[in-house]
Amino acid sequence: LYSHPGTYSSYVDAKHQRLAEEQTIVDNAKRALRKETEWMRRMPKARSTKSQARIDRFYELQKVANSKSNKDTSKLQIEAQKTRLG
């Protein structure tokens, strides 16, 4: 949940700005993921190994690119107490 002080129009503007920033983060992660995927598919040259830090970064980029792009903000679930008051 996000709270925003001010009017509804300023909230809508802030929401559009926040969504644009999130989309930029996802786009950057996808671009970096393409490069890292290409690197992961290449075999290491003779007597060398792949850097473990770079492999870990690849898996982190996968999570960021997949989780943020599949985010669904249209669902809202509200549970109410179902006892009768009278």
PDB file of N, CA and C in Angstrom:
ATOM      1  N   LEU A   1       0.834  -1.175   0.000  1.00  0.00           N
ATOM      2  CA  LEU A   1       0.000   0.000   0.000  1.00  0.00           C
ATOM      3  C   LEU A   1       0.876   1.234   0.000  1.00  0.00           C
ATOM      4  N   TYR A   2       0.384   2.241  -0.673  1.00  0.00           N
ATOM      5  CA  TYR A   2       1.097   3.502  -0.735  1.00  0.00           C
ATOM      6  C   TYR A   2       0.199   4.596  -0.193  1.00  0.00           C
ATOM      7  N   SER A   3       0.741   5.430   0.652  1.00  0.00           N
ATOM      8  CA  SER A   3      -0.003   6.594   1.124  1.00  0.00           C
ATOM      9  C   SER A   3       0.649   7.831   0.524  1.00  0.00           C
ATOM     10  N   HIS A   4      -0.191   8.815   0.270  1.00  0.00           N
ATOM     11  CA  HIS A   4       0.319  10.022  -0.364  1.00  0.00           C
ATOM     12  C   HIS A   4      -0.400  11.225   0.219  1.00  0.00           C
ATOM     13  N   PRO A   5       0.329  12.151   0.811  1.00  0.00           N
ATOM     14  CA  PRO A   5      -0.331  13.358   1.313  1.00  0.00           C
ATOM     15  C   PRO A   5      -0.677  14.274   0.152  1.00  0.00           C
ATOM     16  N   GLY A   6      -1.824  14.885   0.204  1.00  0.00           N
ATOM     17  CA  GLY A   6      -2.198  15.825  -0.840  1.00  0.00           C
ATOM     18  C   GLY A   6      -3.480  15.417  -1.534  1.00  0.00           C
ATOM     19  N   THR A   7      -3.697  15.991  -2.691  1.00  0.00           N
ATOM     20  CA  THR A   7      -4.932  15.755  -3.430  1.00  0.00           C
ATOM     21  C   THR A   7      -4.830  14.486  -4.267  1.00  0.00           C
ATOM     22  N   TYR A   8      -5.983  14.082  -4.792  1.00  0.00           N
ATOM     23  CA  TYR A   8      -6.033  12.877  -5.615  1.00  0.00           C
ATOM     24  C   TYR A   8      -5.223  13.053  -6.891  1.00  0.00           C
ATOM     25  N   SER A   9      -5.258  14.234  -7.479  1.00  0.00           N
ATOM     26  CA  SER A   9      -4.506  14.450  -8.725  1.00  0.00           C
ATOM     27  C   SER A   9      -3.000  14.345  -8.487  1.00  0.00           C
ATOM     28  N   SER A  10      -2.536  14.816  -7.339  1.00  0.00           N
ATOM     29  CA  SER A  10      -1.101  14.665  -7.051  1.00  0.00           C
ATOM     30  C   SER A  10      -0.757  13.205  -6.783  1.00  0.00           C
ATOM     31  N   TYR A  11      -1.707  12.458  -6.191  1.00  0.00           N
ATOM     32  CA  TYR A  11      -1.499  11.021  -5.991  1.00  0.00           C
ATOM     33  C   TYR A  11      -1.381  10.298  -7.334  1.00  0.00           C
ATOM     34  N   VAL A  12      -2.269  10.630  -8.264  1.00  0.00           N
ATOM     35  CA  VAL A  12      -2.243   9.991  -9.585  1.00  0.00           C
ATOM     36  C   VAL A  12      -0.933  10.308 -10.302  1.00  0.00           C
ATOM     37  N   ASP A  13      -0.490  11.563 -10.207  1.00  0.00           N
ATOM     38  CA  ASP A  13       0.788  11.939 -10.827  1.00  0.00           C
ATOM     39  C   ASP A  13       1.947  11.161 -10.214  1.00  0.00           C
ATOM     40  N   ALA A  14       1.952  11.041  -8.890  1.00  0.00           N
ATOM     41  CA  ALA A  14       3.018  10.300  -8.208  1.00  0.00           C
ATOM     42  C   ALA A  14       2.963   8.821  -8.579  1.00  0.00           C
ATOM     43  N   LYS A  15       1.751   8.286  -8.731  1.00  0.00           N
ATOM     44  CA  LYS A  15       1.607   6.881  -9.114  1.00  0.00           C
ATOM     45  C   LYS A  15       2.182   6.637 -10.505  1.00  0.00           C
ATOM     46  N   HIS A  16       1.867   7.525 -11.451  1.00  0.00           N
ATOM     47  CA  HIS A  16       2.408   7.369 -12.806  1.00  0.00           C
ATOM     48  C   HIS A  16       3.933   7.473 -12.801  1.00  0.00           C
ATOM     49  N   GLN A  17       4.456   8.365 -11.988  1.00  0.00           N
ATOM     50  CA  GLN A  17       5.906   8.510 -11.896  1.00  0.00           C
ATOM     51  C   GLN A  17       6.533   7.257 -11.282  1.00  0.00           C
ATOM     52  N   ARG A  18       5.910   6.710 -10.228  1.00  0.00           N
ATOM     53  CA  ARG A  18       6.430   5.507  -9.584  1.00  0.00           C
ATOM     54  C   ARG A  18       6.394   4.317 -10.548  1.00  0.00           C
ATOM     55  N   LEU A  19       5.300   4.180 -11.300  1.00  0.00           N
ATOM     56  CA  LEU A  19       5.205   3.073 -12.264  1.00  0.00           C
ATOM     57  C   LEU A  19       6.233   3.220 -13.385  1.00  0.00           C
ATOM     58  N   ALA A  20       6.482   4.453 -13.824  1.00  0.00           N
ATOM     59  CA  ALA A  20       7.493   4.678 -14.864  1.00  0.00           C
ATOM     60  C   ALA A  20       8.886   4.314 -14.352  1.00  0.00           C
ATOM     61  N   GLU A  21       9.182   4.655 -13.094  1.00  0.00           N
ATOM     62  CA  GLU A  21      10.477   4.299 -12.510  1.00  0.00           C
ATOM     63  C   GLU A  21      10.628   2.788 -12.384  1.00  0.00           C
ATOM     64  N   GLU A  22       9.561   2.103 -11.969  1.00  0.00           N
ATOM     65  CA  GLU A  22       9.610   0.642 -11.863  1.00  0.00           C
ATOM     66  C   GLU A  22       9.828   0.011 -13.233  1.00  0.00           C
ATOM     67  N   GLN A  23       9.168   0.559 -14.267  1.00  0.00           N
ATOM     68  CA  GLN A  23       9.331   0.025 -15.620  1.00  0.00           C
ATOM     69  C   GLN A  23      10.760   0.239 -16.118  1.00  0.00           C
ATOM     70  N   THR A  24      11.359   1.368 -15.765  1.00  0.00           N
ATOM     71  CA  THR A  24      12.752   1.631 -16.139  1.00  0.00           C
ATOM     72  C   THR A  24      13.685   0.613 -15.487  1.00  0.00           C
ATOM     73  N   ILE A  25      13.423   0.299 -14.217  1.00  0.00           N
ATOM     74  CA  ILE A  25      14.243  -0.692 -13.513  1.00  0.00           C
ATOM     75  C   ILE A  25      14.127  -2.049 -14.185  1.00  0.00           C
ATOM     76  N   VAL A  26      12.908  -2.428 -14.563  1.00  0.00           N
ATOM     77  CA  VAL A  26      12.692  -3.718 -15.227  1.00  0.00           C
ATOM     78  C   VAL A  26      13.375  -3.745 -16.588  1.00  0.00           C
ATOM     79  N   ASP A  27      13.257  -2.658 -17.340  1.00  0.00           N
ATOM     80  CA  ASP A  27      13.900  -2.603 -18.661  1.00  0.00           C
ATOM     81  C   ASP A  27      15.417  -2.715 -18.547  1.00  0.00           C
ATOM     82  N   ASN A  28      16.000  -2.033 -17.566  1.00  0.00           N
ATOM     83  CA  ASN A  28      17.453  -2.117 -17.370  1.00  0.00           C
ATOM     84  C   ASN A  28      17.867  -3.532 -16.965  1.00  0.00           C
ATOM     85  N   ALA A  29      17.061  -4.155 -16.112  1.00  0.00           N
ATOM     86  CA  ALA A  29      17.378  -5.520 -15.689  1.00  0.00           C
ATOM     87  C   ALA A  29      17.290  -6.483 -16.866  1.00  0.00           C
ATOM     88  N   LYS A  30      16.297  -6.312 -17.723  1.00  0.00           N
ATOM     89  CA  LYS A  30      16.167  -7.190 -18.892  1.00  0.00           C
ATOM     90  C   LYS A  30      17.331  -7.005 -19.863  1.00  0.00           C
ATOM     91  N   ARG A  31      17.767  -5.762 -20.033  1.00  0.00           N
ATOM     92  CA  ARG A  31      18.890  -5.500 -20.936  1.00  0.00           C
ATOM     93  C   ARG A  31      20.168  -6.142 -20.393  1.00  0.00           C
ATOM     94  N   ALA A  32      20.397  -5.982 -19.102  1.00  0.00           N
ATOM     95  CA  ALA A  32      21.577  -6.593 -18.480  1.00  0.00           C
ATOM     96  C   ALA A  32      21.455  -8.115 -18.488  1.00  0.00           C
ATOM     97  N   LEU A  33      20.239  -8.626 -18.332  1.00  0.00           N
ATOM     98  CA  LEU A  33      20.017 -10.069 -18.334  1.00  0.00           C
ATOM     99  C   LEU A  33      20.365 -10.681 -19.691  1.00  0.00           C
ATOM    100  N   ARG A  34      20.057  -9.964 -20.765  1.00  0.00           N
ATOM    101  CA  ARG A  34      20.429 -10.473 -22.100  1.00  0.00           C
ATOM    102  C   ARG A  34      21.933 -10.651 -22.217  1.00  0.00           C
ATOM    103  N   LYS A  35      22.692  -9.663 -21.752  1.00  0.00           N
ATOM    104  CA  LYS A  35      24.159  -9.753 -21.813  1.00  0.00           C
ATOM    105  C   LYS A  35      24.670 -10.888 -20.937  1.00  0.00           C
ATOM    106  N   GLU A  36      24.136 -10.992 -19.743  1.00  0.00           N
ATOM    107  CA  GLU A  36      24.595 -12.024 -18.819  1.00  0.00           C
ATOM    108  C   GLU A  36      24.190 -13.422 -19.293  1.00  0.00           C
ATOM    109  N   THR A  37      23.033 -13.549 -19.940  1.00  0.00           N
ATOM    110  CA  THR A  37      22.614 -14.840 -20.484  1.00  0.00           C
ATOM    111  C   THR A  37      23.575 -15.284 -21.575  1.00  0.00           C
ATOM    112  N   GLU A  38      23.962 -14.344 -22.413  1.00  0.00           N
ATOM    113  CA  GLU A  38      24.936 -14.654 -23.471  1.00  0.00           C
ATOM    114  C   GLU A  38      26.257 -15.104 -22.850  1.00  0.00           C
ATOM    115  N   TRP A  39      26.685 -14.431 -21.774  1.00  0.00           N
ATOM    116  CA  TRP A  39      27.934 -14.798 -21.103  1.00  0.00           C
ATOM    117  C   TRP A  39      27.820 -16.165 -20.448  1.00  0.00           C
ATOM    118  N   MET A  40      26.657 -16.458 -19.844  1.00  0.00           N
ATOM    119  CA  MET A  40      26.469 -17.748 -19.171  1.00  0.00           C
ATOM    120  C   MET A  40      26.484 -18.911 -20.164  1.00  0.00           C
ATOM    121  N   ARG A  41      26.009 -18.669 -21.363  1.00  0.00           N
ATOM    122  CA  ARG A  41      25.945 -19.744 -22.360  1.00  0.00           C
ATOM    123  C   ARG A  41      27.304 -20.061 -22.970  1.00  0.00           C
ATOM    124  N   ARG A  42      28.217 -19.096 -22.920  1.00  0.00           N
ATOM    125  CA  ARG A  42      29.557 -19.369 -23.446  1.00  0.00           C
ATOM    126  C   ARG A  42      30.301 -20.287 -22.504  1.00  0.00           C
ATOM    127  N   MET A  43      31.103 -21.145 -23.055  1.00  0.00           N
ATOM    128  CA  MET A  43      31.918 -22.049 -22.250  1.00  0.00           C
ATOM    129  C   MET A  43      33.187 -21.307 -21.823  1.00  0.00           C
ATOM    130  N   PRO A  44      33.667 -21.572 -20.616  1.00  0.00           N
ATOM    131  CA  PRO A  44      34.911 -20.920 -20.191  1.00  0.00           C
ATOM    132  C   PRO A  44      36.089 -21.428 -21.030  1.00  0.00           C
ATOM    133  N   LYS A  45      37.049 -20.554 -21.230  1.00  0.00           N
ATOM    134  CA  LYS A  45      38.233 -20.952 -21.993  1.00  0.00           C
ATOM    135  C   LYS A  45      39.074 -21.909 -21.162  1.00  0.00           C
ATOM    136  N   ALA A  46      40.088 -22.440 -21.783  1.00  0.00           N
ATOM    137  CA  ALA A  46      40.910 -23.465 -21.130  1.00  0.00           C
ATOM    138  C   ALA A  46      41.449 -23.001 -19.786  1.00  0.00           C
ATOM    139  N   ARG A  47      41.296 -23.848 -18.796  1.00  0.00           N
ATOM    140  CA  ARG A  47      41.815 -23.651 -17.445  1.00  0.00           C
ATOM    141  C   ARG A  47      41.275 -22.386 -16.756  1.00  0.00           C
ATOM    142  N   SER A  48      40.097 -21.993 -17.112  1.00  0.00           N
ATOM    143  CA  SER A  48      39.492 -20.857 -16.408  1.00  0.00           C
ATOM    144  C   SER A  48      38.068 -21.231 -16.008  1.00  0.00           C
ATOM    145  N   THR A  49      37.567 -20.570 -15.015  1.00  0.00           N
ATOM    146  CA  THR A  49      36.224 -20.860 -14.531  1.00  0.00           C
ATOM    147  C   THR A  49      35.396 -19.582 -14.568  1.00  0.00           C
ATOM    148  N   LYS A  50      34.112 -19.755 -14.498  1.00  0.00           N
ATOM    149  CA  LYS A  50      33.223 -18.601 -14.476  1.00  0.00           C
ATOM    150  C   LYS A  50      33.230 -17.996 -13.070  1.00  0.00           C
ATOM    151  N   SER A  51      33.164 -16.702 -13.027  1.00  0.00           N
ATOM    152  CA  SER A  51      33.160 -15.994 -11.753  1.00  0.00           C
ATOM    153  C   SER A  51      31.857 -16.275 -11.005  1.00  0.00           C
ATOM    154  N   GLN A  52      31.966 -16.711  -9.765  1.00  0.00           N
ATOM    155  CA  GLN A  52      30.779 -17.059  -8.982  1.00  0.00           C
ATOM    156  C   GLN A  52      29.933 -15.815  -8.691  1.00  0.00           C
ATOM    157  N   ALA A  53      30.568 -14.670  -8.495  1.00  0.00           N
ATOM    158  CA  ALA A  53      29.819 -13.439  -8.240  1.00  0.00           C
ATOM    159  C   ALA A  53      28.975 -13.059  -9.453  1.00  0.00           C
ATOM    160  N   ARG A  54      29.541 -13.249 -10.638  1.00  0.00           N
ATOM    161  CA  ARG A  54      28.794 -12.920 -11.856  1.00  0.00           C
ATOM    162  C   ARG A  54      27.644 -13.888 -12.061  1.00  0.00           C
ATOM    163  N   ILE A  55      27.834 -15.143 -11.698  1.00  0.00           N
ATOM    164  CA  ILE A  55      26.755 -16.131 -11.797  1.00  0.00           C
ATOM    165  C   ILE A  55      25.631 -15.762 -10.823  1.00  0.00           C
ATOM    166  N   ASP A  56      25.984 -15.355  -9.612  1.00  0.00           N
ATOM    167  CA  ASP A  56      24.978 -14.940  -8.634  1.00  0.00           C
ATOM    168  C   ASP A  56      24.213 -13.715  -9.125  1.00  0.00           C
ATOM    169  N   ARG A  57      24.919 -12.770  -9.741  1.00  0.00           N
ATOM    170  CA  ARG A  57      24.276 -11.577 -10.287  1.00  0.00           C
ATOM    171  C   ARG A  57      23.291 -11.950 -11.390  1.00  0.00           C
ATOM    172  N   PHE A  58      23.640 -12.941 -12.189  1.00  0.00           N
ATOM    173  CA  PHE A  58      22.750 -13.412 -13.259  1.00  0.00           C
ATOM    174  C   PHE A  58      21.429 -13.892 -12.674  1.00  0.00           C
ATOM    175  N   TYR A  59      21.482 -14.683 -11.621  1.00  0.00           N
ATOM    176  CA  TYR A  59      20.252 -15.199 -11.018  1.00  0.00           C
ATOM    177  C   TYR A  59      19.445 -14.093 -10.333  1.00  0.00           C
ATOM    178  N   GLU A  60      20.118 -13.109  -9.761  1.00  0.00           N
ATOM    179  CA  GLU A  60      19.407 -11.971  -9.174  1.00  0.00           C
ATOM    180  C   GLU A  60      18.699 -11.154 -10.253  1.00  0.00           C
ATOM    181  N   LEU A  61      19.378 -10.954 -11.385  1.00  0.00           N
ATOM    182  CA  LEU A  61      18.761 -10.223 -12.489  1.00  0.00           C
ATOM    183  C   LEU A  61      17.539 -10.965 -13.027  1.00  0.00           C
ATOM    184  N   GLN A  62      17.602 -12.276 -13.077  1.00  0.00           N
ATOM    185  CA  GLN A  62      16.456 -13.067 -13.516  1.00  0.00           C
ATOM    186  C   GLN A  62      15.260 -12.829 -12.611  1.00  0.00           C
ATOM    187  N   LYS A  63      15.500 -12.813 -11.311  1.00  0.00           N
ATOM    188  CA  LYS A  63      14.410 -12.589 -10.362  1.00  0.00           C
ATOM    189  C   LYS A  63      13.801 -11.203 -10.533  1.00  0.00           C
ATOM    190  N   VAL A  64      14.646 -10.192 -10.686  1.00  0.00           N
ATOM    191  CA  VAL A  64      14.153  -8.820 -10.831  1.00  0.00           C
ATOM    192  C   VAL A  64      13.366  -8.670 -12.122  1.00  0.00           C
ATOM    193  N   ALA A  65      13.894  -9.184 -13.217  1.00  0.00           N
ATOM    194  CA  ALA A  65      13.235  -9.033 -14.508  1.00  0.00           C
ATOM    195  C   ALA A  65      11.901  -9.766 -14.552  1.00  0.00           C
ATOM    196  N   ASN A  66      11.811 -10.916 -13.903  1.00  0.00           N
ATOM    197  CA  ASN A  66      10.577 -11.688 -13.948  1.00  0.00           C
ATOM    198  C   ASN A  66       9.551 -11.232 -12.917  1.00  0.00           C
ATOM    199  N   SER A  67       9.982 -10.885 -11.722  1.00  0.00           N
ATOM    200  CA  SER A  67       9.014 -10.555 -10.672  1.00  0.00           C
ATOM    201  C   SER A  67       8.361  -9.197 -10.886  1.00  0.00           C
ATOM    202  N   LYS A  68       9.099  -8.210 -11.276  1.00  0.00           N
ATOM    203  CA  LYS A  68       8.532  -6.878 -11.440  1.00  0.00           C
ATOM    204  C   LYS A  68       7.655  -6.781 -12.684  1.00  0.00           C
ATOM    205  N   SER A  69       7.988  -7.510 -13.742  1.00  0.00           N
ATOM    206  CA  SER A  69       7.188  -7.412 -14.955  1.00  0.00           C
ATOM    207  C   SER A  69       5.861  -8.144 -14.829  1.00  0.00           C
ATOM    208  N   ASN A  70       5.771  -9.129 -13.938  1.00  0.00           N
ATOM    209  CA  ASN A  70       4.539  -9.889 -13.762  1.00  0.00           C
ATOM    210  C   ASN A  70       3.701  -9.374 -12.604  1.00  0.00           C
ATOM    211  N   LYS A  71       4.031  -8.232 -12.071  1.00  0.00           N
ATOM    212  CA  LYS A  71       3.332  -7.686 -10.917  1.00  0.00           C
ATOM    213  C   LYS A  71       1.921  -7.259 -11.322  1.00  0.00           C
ATOM    214  N   ASP A  72       0.936  -7.752 -10.587  1.00  0.00           N
ATOM    215  CA  ASP A  72      -0.455  -7.421 -10.883  1.00  0.00           C
ATOM    216  C   ASP A  72      -0.981  -6.536  -9.773  1.00  0.00           C
ATOM    217  N   THR A  73      -1.326  -5.288 -10.113  1.00  0.00           N
ATOM    218  CA  THR A  73      -1.780  -4.338  -9.107  1.00  0.00           C
ATOM    219  C   THR A  73      -3.292  -4.191  -9.094  1.00  0.00           C
ATOM    220  N   SER A  74      -4.016  -4.968  -9.877  1.00  0.00           N
ATOM    221  CA  SER A  74      -5.460  -4.791  -9.975  1.00  0.00           C
ATOM    222  C   SER A  74      -6.242  -5.622  -8.970  1.00  0.00           C
ATOM    223  N   LYS A  75      -5.602  -6.452  -8.187  1.00  0.00           N
ATOM    224  CA  LYS A  75      -6.303  -7.308  -7.237  1.00  0.00           C
ATOM    225  C   LYS A  75      -6.305  -6.687  -5.850  1.00  0.00           C
ATOM    226  N   LEU A  76      -7.461  -6.729  -5.209  1.00  0.00           N
ATOM    227  CA  LEU A  76      -7.599  -6.255  -3.847  1.00  0.00           C
ATOM    228  C   LEU A  76      -8.516  -7.221  -3.125  1.00  0.00           C
ATOM    229  N   GLN A  77      -8.082  -7.715  -2.002  1.00  0.00           N
ATOM    230  CA  GLN A  77      -8.868  -8.677  -1.246  1.00  0.00           C
ATOM    231  C   GLN A  77      -9.145  -8.085   0.126  1.00  0.00           C
ATOM    232  N   ILE A  78     -10.440  -8.027   0.464  1.00  0.00           N
ATOM    233  CA  ILE A  78     -10.856  -7.489   1.748  1.00  0.00           C
ATOM    234  C   ILE A  78     -11.686  -8.552   2.450  1.00  0.00           C
ATOM    235  N   GLU A  79     -11.304  -8.865   3.668  1.00  0.00           N
ATOM    236  CA  GLU A  79     -12.054  -9.827   4.444  1.00  0.00           C
ATOM    237  C   GLU A  79     -12.843  -9.089   5.516  1.00  0.00           C
ATOM    238  N   ALA A  80     -14.120  -9.421   5.629  1.00  0.00           N
ATOM    239  CA  ALA A  80     -14.970  -8.764   6.625  1.00  0.00           C
ATOM    240  C   ALA A  80     -15.472  -9.813   7.591  1.00  0.00           C
ATOM    241  N   GLN A  81     -15.769  -9.383   8.804  1.00  0.00           N
ATOM    242  CA  GLN A  81     -16.296 -10.287   9.789  1.00  0.00           C
ATOM    243  C   GLN A  81     -17.752 -10.597   9.419  1.00  0.00           C
ATOM    244  N   LYS A  82     -18.145 -11.856   9.469  1.00  0.00           N
ATOM    245  CA  LYS A  82     -19.458 -12.252   8.974  1.00  0.00           C
ATOM    246  C   LYS A  82     -20.450 -12.574  10.092  1.00  0.00           C
ATOM    247  N   THR A  83     -20.344 -11.867  11.205  1.00  0.00           N
ATOM    248  CA  THR A  83     -21.303 -12.094  12.280  1.00  0.00           C
ATOM    249  C   THR A  83     -22.371 -11.025  12.246  1.00  0.00           C
ATOM    250  N   ARG A  84     -23.539 -11.406  12.665  1.00  0.00           N
ATOM    251  CA  ARG A  84     -24.668 -10.491  12.656  1.00  0.00           C
ATOM    252  C   ARG A  84     -24.613  -9.614  13.902  1.00  0.00           C
ATOM    253  N   LEU A  85     -24.903  -8.324  13.716  1.00  0.00           N
ATOM    254  CA  LEU A  85     -24.788  -7.388  14.832  1.00  0.00           C
ATOM    255  C   LEU A  85     -26.103  -7.138  15.570  1.00  0.00           C
ATOM    256  N   GLY A  86     -27.240  -7.685  15.134  1.00  0.00           N
ATOM    257  CA  GLY A  86     -28.486  -7.325  15.782  1.00  0.00           C
ATOM    258  C   GLY A  86     -29.331  -8.383  16.288  1.00  0.00           C
TER     259      GLY A  86
END
